[in-house]
Amino acid sequence: MKDASPSSLARLSMSLPAELFRQLDAMVEDRGLPSRSQLIAELIRDELAEHGAASRPEDMLAGTITLVYRAELGRVRHQLAQTQSDYLKEVISSQHVFLEDDQSLEVLLVQGPARRLRDLCDALRKVRGVQQLRLFTTTALLPPLHEQDEVAPHSTGKAA
C-alpha cells in the first residue's frame, strides 16, 4: 500500500449509533492502530475487494483460501489435492499443518479470474469433511514469474 500524502486524502464525516461507535473504538484499541481512519480504510478495502470479485467475475485477483477439515484416513486430503489439480493455473502453492482432534489446516495461495477462484472454493466446499473455508482476495497481483520471451531454449548438449 502506498503512503497517502495529505493532498491525496479525502475527508469523510459519518454518524454511527453510539454502541457501534464504541465497538469501533474498542477494535482500534485492541489492534493497536493509531486511528479510526486506518481501521475504517482497511474495512473498506476488504469490502471493495469482495464487491469487485462478485460484480466483475473476469477481474484478476490474488489471495488465499483457508480450509479447516477433518483428515479422515487421507481421503479428504486426497480429494482436496484432486480438486486443486483441476485448478493448476489458479493454485500457486499450498501449506498444510495438522491440528488437534484429527483436523488439518490448509492455506492455498491463489491467483486468477474472480469467477475461477469462486468456482475453486465451491468445488473445495463439496469435499465431505471440509468444515470451514474462507477466500480472502486483493486486486494487487503477483508479478509474472516467467515471461515467454525470456525462456531460453533447452540445451541439447550439441554444439550449434
Protein backbone atom coordinates (compact mmCIF):
# COMPACT_ATOMS: atom_id res chain seq x y z
CA MET A 1 0.00 0.00 0.00
CA LYS A 2 1.31 3.44 -0.90
CA ASP A 3 1.60 6.11 1.76
CA ALA A 4 -1.18 8.64 1.42
CA SER A 5 0.09 12.17 1.17
CA PRO A 6 -2.14 14.85 2.70
CA SER A 7 -3.02 16.13 -0.79
CA SER A 8 -4.31 12.69 -1.84
CA LEU A 9 -6.63 12.26 1.15
CA ALA A 10 -10.35 12.95 1.19
CA ARG A 11 -12.21 13.65 4.42
CA LEU A 12 -15.27 11.60 5.35
CA SER A 13 -17.73 12.53 8.06
CA MET A 14 -20.16 9.91 9.29
CA SER A 15 -22.67 9.28 12.02
CA LEU A 16 -22.89 5.92 13.77
CA PRO A 17 -25.09 4.51 16.52
CA ALA A 18 -23.35 5.03 19.87
CA GLU A 19 -22.84 1.30 20.51
CA LEU A 20 -21.29 0.73 17.07
CA PHE A 21 -19.01 3.73 17.63
CA ARG A 22 -17.93 2.26 20.99
CA GLN A 23 -17.21 -1.11 19.36
CA LEU A 24 -15.20 0.59 16.61
CA ASP A 25 -13.05 2.42 19.16
CA ALA A 26 -12.54 -0.81 21.11
CA MET A 27 -11.38 -2.56 17.92
CA VAL A 28 -8.95 0.27 17.13
CA GLU A 29 -7.51 -0.03 20.63
CA ASP A 30 -7.39 -3.87 20.56
CA ARG A 31 -5.46 -3.80 17.28
CA GLY A 32 -3.16 -1.03 18.47
CA LEU A 33 -3.95 1.18 15.50
CA PRO A 34 -3.16 4.89 15.58
CA SER A 35 -6.62 6.00 14.41
CA ARG A 36 -10.17 5.05 13.45
CA SER A 37 -9.35 6.16 9.92
CA GLN A 38 -6.79 3.40 9.47
CA LEU A 39 -9.25 0.71 10.60
CA ILE A 40 -12.11 2.09 8.51
CA ALA A 41 -9.86 2.27 5.42
CA GLU A 42 -8.87 -1.40 5.95
CA LEU A 43 -12.50 -2.46 6.31
CA ILE A 44 -13.48 -0.53 3.18
CA ARG A 45 -10.61 -2.06 1.16
CA ASP A 46 -11.74 -5.56 2.21
CA GLU A 47 -15.33 -4.85 1.20
CA LEU A 48 -14.29 -3.29 -2.13
CA ALA A 49 -12.21 -6.37 -2.99
CA GLU A 50 -15.16 -8.60 -2.06
CA HIS A 51 -17.54 -6.46 -4.10
CA GLY A 52 -15.19 -6.44 -7.08
CA ALA A 53 -14.94 -10.22 -7.01
CA ALA A 54 -18.72 -10.50 -7.03
CA SER A 55 -19.55 -7.79 -9.55
CA ARG A 56 -16.66 -8.24 -12.02
CA PRO A 57 -16.08 -12.01 -12.37
CA GLU A 58 -13.39 -11.64 -15.05
CA ASP A 59 -11.15 -9.39 -12.90
CA MET A 60 -7.84 -10.97 -11.93
CA LEU A 61 -7.40 -11.36 -8.18
CA ALA A 62 -4.75 -12.78 -5.88
CA GLY A 63 -5.42 -14.12 -2.43
CA THR A 64 -5.62 -17.05 -0.08
CA ILE A 65 -8.10 -19.82 0.57
CA THR A 66 -8.01 -21.10 4.14
CA LEU A 67 -9.53 -24.52 4.85
CA VAL A 68 -10.11 -26.47 8.04
CA TYR A 69 -11.08 -30.11 7.58
CA ARG A 70 -11.14 -33.50 9.22
CA ALA A 71 -8.25 -35.62 7.98
CA GLU A 72 -10.11 -38.95 7.84
CA LEU A 73 -7.55 -41.55 6.72
CA GLY A 74 -6.22 -39.28 4.00
CA ARG A 75 -9.43 -39.47 1.94
CA VAL A 76 -10.20 -35.80 2.41
CA ARG A 77 -6.63 -34.71 1.65
CA HIS A 78 -6.65 -36.83 -1.50
CA GLN A 79 -9.95 -35.31 -2.70
CA LEU A 80 -8.70 -31.79 -1.95
CA ALA A 81 -5.50 -32.48 -3.91
CA GLN A 82 -7.55 -33.82 -6.84
CA THR A 83 -9.70 -30.68 -6.80
CA GLN A 84 -6.64 -28.43 -6.65
CA SER A 85 -5.14 -30.25 -9.64
CA ASP A 86 -8.23 -29.22 -11.65
CA TYR A 87 -7.21 -25.60 -10.94
CA LEU A 88 -3.45 -25.75 -11.58
CA LYS A 89 -3.37 -22.29 -13.18
CA GLU A 90 -5.02 -20.73 -10.12
CA VAL A 91 -3.30 -22.57 -7.21
CA ILE A 92 0.20 -21.12 -6.80
CA SER A 93 1.13 -23.02 -3.63
CA SER A 94 -0.31 -24.64 -0.53
CA GLN A 95 0.73 -25.07 3.09
CA HIS A 96 -0.68 -27.81 5.30
CA VAL A 97 -0.45 -28.38 9.06
CA PHE A 98 -2.02 -30.97 11.32
CA LEU A 99 -4.24 -29.66 14.11
CA GLU A 100 -5.63 -31.34 17.20
CA ASP A 101 -8.51 -33.81 17.10
CA ASP A 102 -7.71 -35.23 13.64
CA GLN A 103 -8.16 -31.85 11.97
CA SER A 104 -5.98 -30.13 9.36
CA LEU A 105 -5.46 -26.53 8.31
CA GLU A 106 -4.50 -25.76 4.73
CA VAL A 107 -3.79 -22.38 3.15
CA LEU A 108 -3.70 -22.03 -0.62
CA LEU A 109 -2.07 -19.07 -2.37
CA VAL A 110 -4.24 -18.41 -5.42
CA GLN A 111 -4.46 -16.05 -8.37
CA GLY A 112 -6.85 -15.91 -11.29
CA PRO A 113 -10.16 -14.57 -12.54
CA ALA A 114 -12.64 -13.99 -9.71
CA ARG A 115 -15.07 -16.47 -11.27
CA ARG A 116 -12.45 -19.26 -11.31
CA LEU A 117 -11.48 -18.58 -7.69
CA ARG A 118 -15.15 -18.78 -6.64
CA ASP A 119 -15.54 -22.00 -8.63
CA LEU A 120 -12.48 -23.43 -6.88
CA CYS A 121 -13.95 -22.53 -3.48
CA ASP A 122 -17.27 -24.12 -4.40
CA ALA A 123 -15.50 -27.31 -5.53
CA LEU A 124 -13.44 -27.46 -2.32
CA ARG A 125 -16.57 -26.94 -0.19
CA LYS A 126 -18.16 -30.01 -1.81
CA VAL A 127 -15.46 -32.27 -0.36
CA ARG A 128 -17.02 -34.10 2.56
CA GLY A 129 -15.05 -33.29 5.71
CA VAL A 130 -14.35 -29.62 4.93
CA GLN A 131 -15.57 -27.73 7.98
CA GLN A 132 -14.52 -24.16 7.21
CA LEU A 133 -13.41 -22.35 4.08
CA ARG A 134 -12.64 -18.69 3.53
CA LEU A 135 -11.40 -16.84 0.47
CA PHE A 136 -9.53 -13.59 1.03
CA THR A 137 -8.72 -11.61 -2.11
CA THR A 138 -6.93 -8.49 -3.20
CA THR A 139 -6.73 -6.74 -6.53
CA ALA A 140 -2.93 -6.48 -6.21
CA LEU A 141 -1.43 -9.32 -8.26
CA LEU A 142 1.70 -11.43 -8.05
CA PRO A 143 4.28 -10.32 -10.62
CA PRO A 144 4.68 -12.67 -13.60
CA LEU A 145 7.08 -15.43 -12.63
CA HIS A 146 8.20 -16.14 -16.20
CA GLU A 147 7.89 -14.23 -19.43
CA GLN A 148 7.54 -16.38 -22.53
CA ASP A 149 10.18 -14.35 -24.40
CA GLU A 150 12.73 -14.81 -21.61
CA VAL A 151 12.65 -18.61 -21.65
CA ALA A 152 15.93 -19.93 -23.04
CA PRO A 153 15.78 -22.90 -25.39
CA HIS A 154 16.66 -26.23 -23.74
CA SER A 155 20.22 -27.26 -24.23
CA THR A 156 20.58 -30.48 -26.17
CA GLY A 157 24.24 -30.83 -25.33
CA LYS A 158 25.15 -30.46 -29.02
CA ALA A 159 27.23 -27.63 -30.37
CA ALA A 160 25.45 -25.36 -32.82
